[in-house]
């Protein structure tokens, strides 16, 4: 059985997690997990992050209804970052956009490339 303690965490006990839509392959967001969030995500199938600003667990969609159901968790080669493939319900970004990556730098200018849903 996989042991979340086998991952490499920052000195703060966190590991970066990229969320990607399983169906569209769109990168949705970057967040953080600690070992307990990794374990709970794997146990429940609901993606659970660690909120650095609130210093608390953050069950994605708990307040917004925009849940992420885990399809697969992948580890990078150094075991110090994760990719979660998810089924996303509603927008992933708190701004109402499908992805948190809605701005691009083009010729040195920041351009909004995605409107809220």
C-alpha atoms as a PDB file:
ATOM      1  CA  UNK A   1       0.000   0.000   0.000  1.00  0.00           C
ATOM      2  CA  UNK A   2       1.222   3.515  -0.831  1.00  0.00           C
ATOM      3  CA  UNK A   3       2.589   5.519   2.106  1.00  0.00           C
ATOM      4  CA  UNK A   4       2.177   9.342   1.785  1.00  0.00           C
ATOM      5  CA  UNK A   5       5.220   9.710   4.062  1.00  0.00           C
ATOM      6  CA  UNK A   6       7.326   8.369   1.171  1.00  0.00           C
ATOM      7  CA  UNK A   7       6.873  11.692  -0.647  1.00  0.00           C
ATOM      8  CA  UNK A   8       9.290  14.588  -0.256  1.00  0.00           C
ATOM      9  CA  UNK A   9       7.642  17.548   1.453  1.00  0.00           C
ATOM     10  CA  UNK A  10       8.875  21.113   1.963  1.00  0.00           C
ATOM     11  CA  UNK A  11      10.183  22.111   5.405  1.00  0.00           C
ATOM     12  CA  UNK A  12       6.598  23.289   6.066  1.00  0.00           C
ATOM     13  CA  UNK A  13       5.374  19.751   5.393  1.00  0.00           C
ATOM     14  CA  UNK A  14       3.750  20.590   2.049  1.00  0.00           C
ATOM     15  CA  UNK A  15       3.958  19.268  -1.494  1.00  0.00           C
ATOM     16  CA  UNK A  16       2.784  21.182  -4.614  1.00  0.00           C
ATOM     17  CA  UNK A  17      -0.129  19.633  -6.491  1.00  0.00           C
ATOM     18  CA  UNK A  18      -1.159  20.448 -10.043  1.00  0.00           C
ATOM     19  CA  UNK A  19      -4.811  19.656 -10.810  1.00  0.00           C
ATOM     20  CA  UNK A  20      -5.627  18.725 -14.391  1.00  0.00           C
ATOM     21  CA  UNK A  21      -9.016  17.965 -15.896  1.00  0.00           C
ATOM     22  CA  UNK A  22      -9.070  14.261 -16.733  1.00  0.00           C
ATOM     23  CA  UNK A  23     -11.332  14.662 -19.784  1.00  0.00           C
ATOM     24  CA  UNK A  24      -9.934  17.822 -21.398  1.00  0.00           C
ATOM     25  CA  UNK A  25      -6.330  17.692 -20.089  1.00  0.00           C
ATOM     26  CA  UNK A  26      -6.642  21.394 -19.180  1.00  0.00           C
ATOM     27  CA  UNK A  27      -4.454  22.456 -16.263  1.00  0.00           C
ATOM     28  CA  UNK A  28      -6.867  23.806 -13.675  1.00  0.00           C
ATOM     29  CA  UNK A  29      -4.910  24.970 -10.656  1.00  0.00           C
ATOM     30  CA  UNK A  30      -1.914  24.619  -8.366  1.00  0.00           C
ATOM     31  CA  UNK A  31      -2.407  23.992  -4.671  1.00  0.00           C
ATOM     32  CA  UNK A  32      -0.702  22.267  -1.739  1.00  0.00           C
ATOM     33  CA  UNK A  33      -1.180  19.087   0.254  1.00  0.00           C
ATOM     34  CA  UNK A  34       0.373  17.722   3.393  1.00  0.00           C
ATOM     35  CA  UNK A  35       0.687  13.978   4.081  1.00  0.00           C
ATOM     36  CA  UNK A  36      -2.750  13.830   5.708  1.00  0.00           C
ATOM     37  CA  UNK A  37      -4.404  15.587   2.738  1.00  0.00           C
ATOM     38  CA  UNK A  38      -2.733  13.089   0.387  1.00  0.00           C
ATOM     39  CA  UNK A  39      -3.974  10.182   2.504  1.00  0.00           C
ATOM     40  CA  UNK A  40      -7.523  11.567   2.792  1.00  0.00           C
ATOM     41  CA  UNK A  41      -7.696  12.301  -0.936  1.00  0.00           C
ATOM     42  CA  UNK A  42      -6.703   8.738  -1.730  1.00  0.00           C
ATOM     43  CA  UNK A  43      -9.079   7.309   0.879  1.00  0.00           C
ATOM     44  CA  UNK A  44     -12.150   9.359  -0.069  1.00  0.00           C
ATOM     45  CA  UNK A  45     -11.702  10.072  -3.784  1.00  0.00           C
ATOM     46  CA  UNK A  46     -12.447  13.754  -3.088  1.00  0.00           C
ATOM     47  CA  UNK A  47      -9.507  16.108  -3.575  1.00  0.00           C
ATOM     48  CA  UNK A  48      -8.476  17.675  -0.290  1.00  0.00           C
ATOM     49  CA  UNK A  49      -5.822  20.375  -0.165  1.00  0.00           C
ATOM     50  CA  UNK A  50      -4.043  22.223   2.616  1.00  0.00           C
ATOM     51  CA  UNK A  51      -4.863  25.935   2.670  1.00  0.00           C
ATOM     52  CA  UNK A  52      -1.720  27.848   3.577  1.00  0.00           C
ATOM     53  CA  UNK A  53      -3.650  31.069   4.217  1.00  0.00           C
ATOM     54  CA  UNK A  54      -6.183  29.419   6.548  1.00  0.00           C
ATOM     55  CA  UNK A  55      -3.801  26.772   7.920  1.00  0.00           C
ATOM     56  CA  UNK A  56      -6.586  24.218   7.509  1.00  0.00           C
ATOM     57  CA  UNK A  57      -7.750  21.410   5.260  1.00  0.00           C
ATOM     58  CA  UNK A  58      -9.635  22.572   2.188  1.00  0.00           C
ATOM     59  CA  UNK A  59     -12.026  20.105   0.609  1.00  0.00           C
ATOM     60  CA  UNK A  60     -12.300  21.397  -2.943  1.00  0.00           C
ATOM     61  CA  UNK A  61     -15.915  22.384  -3.579  1.00  0.00           C
ATOM     62  CA  UNK A  62     -17.029  22.207   0.049  1.00  0.00           C
ATOM     63  CA  UNK A  63     -18.325  25.773   0.014  1.00  0.00           C
ATOM     64  CA  UNK A  64     -18.629  26.453  -3.749  1.00  0.00           C
ATOM     65  CA  UNK A  65     -20.049  23.131  -4.882  1.00  0.00           C
ATOM     66  CA  UNK A  66     -17.290  22.952  -7.523  1.00  0.00           C
ATOM     67  CA  UNK A  67     -15.922  19.585  -6.455  1.00  0.00           C
ATOM     68  CA  UNK A  68     -12.946  17.681  -7.752  1.00  0.00           C
ATOM     69  CA  UNK A  69     -13.284  13.905  -7.864  1.00  0.00           C
ATOM     70  CA  UNK A  70      -9.959  12.130  -8.010  1.00  0.00           C
ATOM     71  CA  UNK A  71      -9.446   9.988 -11.101  1.00  0.00           C
ATOM     72  CA  UNK A  72      -5.724   9.359 -10.638  1.00  0.00           C
ATOM     73  CA  UNK A  73      -2.820  10.705  -8.591  1.00  0.00           C
ATOM     74  CA  UNK A  74       0.608  10.789 -10.209  1.00  0.00           C
ATOM     75  CA  UNK A  75       4.004  11.349  -8.614  1.00  0.00           C
ATOM     76  CA  UNK A  76       6.851  13.107 -10.355  1.00  0.00           C
ATOM     77  CA  UNK A  77      10.271  11.487 -10.730  1.00  0.00           C
ATOM     78  CA  UNK A  78      11.692  13.232  -7.647  1.00  0.00           C
ATOM     79  CA  UNK A  79       8.588  12.459  -5.528  1.00  0.00           C
ATOM     80  CA  UNK A  80       8.377  16.161  -4.583  1.00  0.00           C
ATOM     81  CA  UNK A  81       5.294  17.187  -6.563  1.00  0.00           C
ATOM     82  CA  UNK A  82       1.997  15.619  -7.550  1.00  0.00           C
ATOM     83  CA  UNK A  83      -0.385  15.695 -10.476  1.00  0.00           C
ATOM     84  CA  UNK A  84      -4.024  14.934  -9.757  1.00  0.00           C
ATOM     85  CA  UNK A  85      -6.254  14.054 -12.680  1.00  0.00           C
ATOM     86  CA  UNK A  86      -9.759  15.053 -11.696  1.00  0.00           C
ATOM     87  CA  UNK A  87     -13.347  15.202 -12.786  1.00  0.00           C
ATOM     88  CA  UNK A  88     -14.094  18.881 -12.168  1.00  0.00           C
ATOM     89  CA  UNK A  89     -17.621  20.039 -11.358  1.00  0.00           C
ATOM     90  CA  UNK A  90     -18.027  23.718 -12.316  1.00  0.00           C
ATOM     91  CA  UNK A  91     -15.149  26.183 -12.466  1.00  0.00           C
ATOM     92  CA  UNK A  92     -11.918  25.337 -10.655  1.00  0.00           C
ATOM     93  CA  UNK A  93     -10.919  28.960 -10.030  1.00  0.00           C
ATOM     94  CA  UNK A  94     -12.430  31.153  -7.322  1.00  0.00           C
ATOM     95  CA  UNK A  95     -12.825  33.848 -10.023  1.00  0.00           C
ATOM     96  CA  UNK A  96     -15.424  31.671 -11.753  1.00  0.00           C
ATOM     97  CA  UNK A  97     -13.104  30.596 -14.555  1.00  0.00           C
ATOM     98  CA  UNK A  98     -12.528  26.997 -15.545  1.00  0.00           C
ATOM     99  CA  UNK A  99      -8.793  27.337 -14.840  1.00  0.00           C
ATOM    100  CA  UNK A 100      -6.757  29.516 -12.514  1.00  0.00           C
ATOM    101  CA  UNK A 101      -4.343  29.986 -15.426  1.00  0.00           C
ATOM    102  CA  UNK A 102      -6.485  32.528 -17.279  1.00  0.00           C
ATOM    103  CA  UNK A 103      -3.779  35.105 -18.011  1.00  0.00           C
ATOM    104  CA  UNK A 104      -0.968  34.812 -20.544  1.00  0.00           C
ATOM    105  CA  UNK A 105       2.113  36.897 -21.175  1.00  0.00           C
ATOM    106  CA  UNK A 106       2.244  37.714 -24.857  1.00  0.00           C
ATOM    107  CA  UNK A 107       4.983  39.984 -26.161  1.00  0.00           C
ATOM    108  CA  UNK A 108       5.540  41.230 -22.621  1.00  0.00           C
ATOM    109  CA  UNK A 109       1.887  42.096 -22.063  1.00  0.00           C
ATOM    110  CA  UNK A 110      -0.480  40.297 -19.715  1.00  0.00           C
ATOM    111  CA  UNK A 111      -3.588  39.191 -21.588  1.00  0.00           C
ATOM    112  CA  UNK A 112      -6.720  37.636 -20.112  1.00  0.00           C
ATOM    113  CA  UNK A 113      -7.431  34.558 -22.219  1.00  0.00           C
ATOM    114  CA  UNK A 114     -10.453  33.162 -20.400  1.00  0.00           C
ATOM    115  CA  UNK A 115     -13.625  34.780 -19.108  1.00  0.00           C
ATOM    116  CA  UNK A 116     -15.626  33.560 -16.111  1.00  0.00           C
ATOM    117  CA  UNK A 117     -18.118  30.822 -16.937  1.00  0.00           C
END
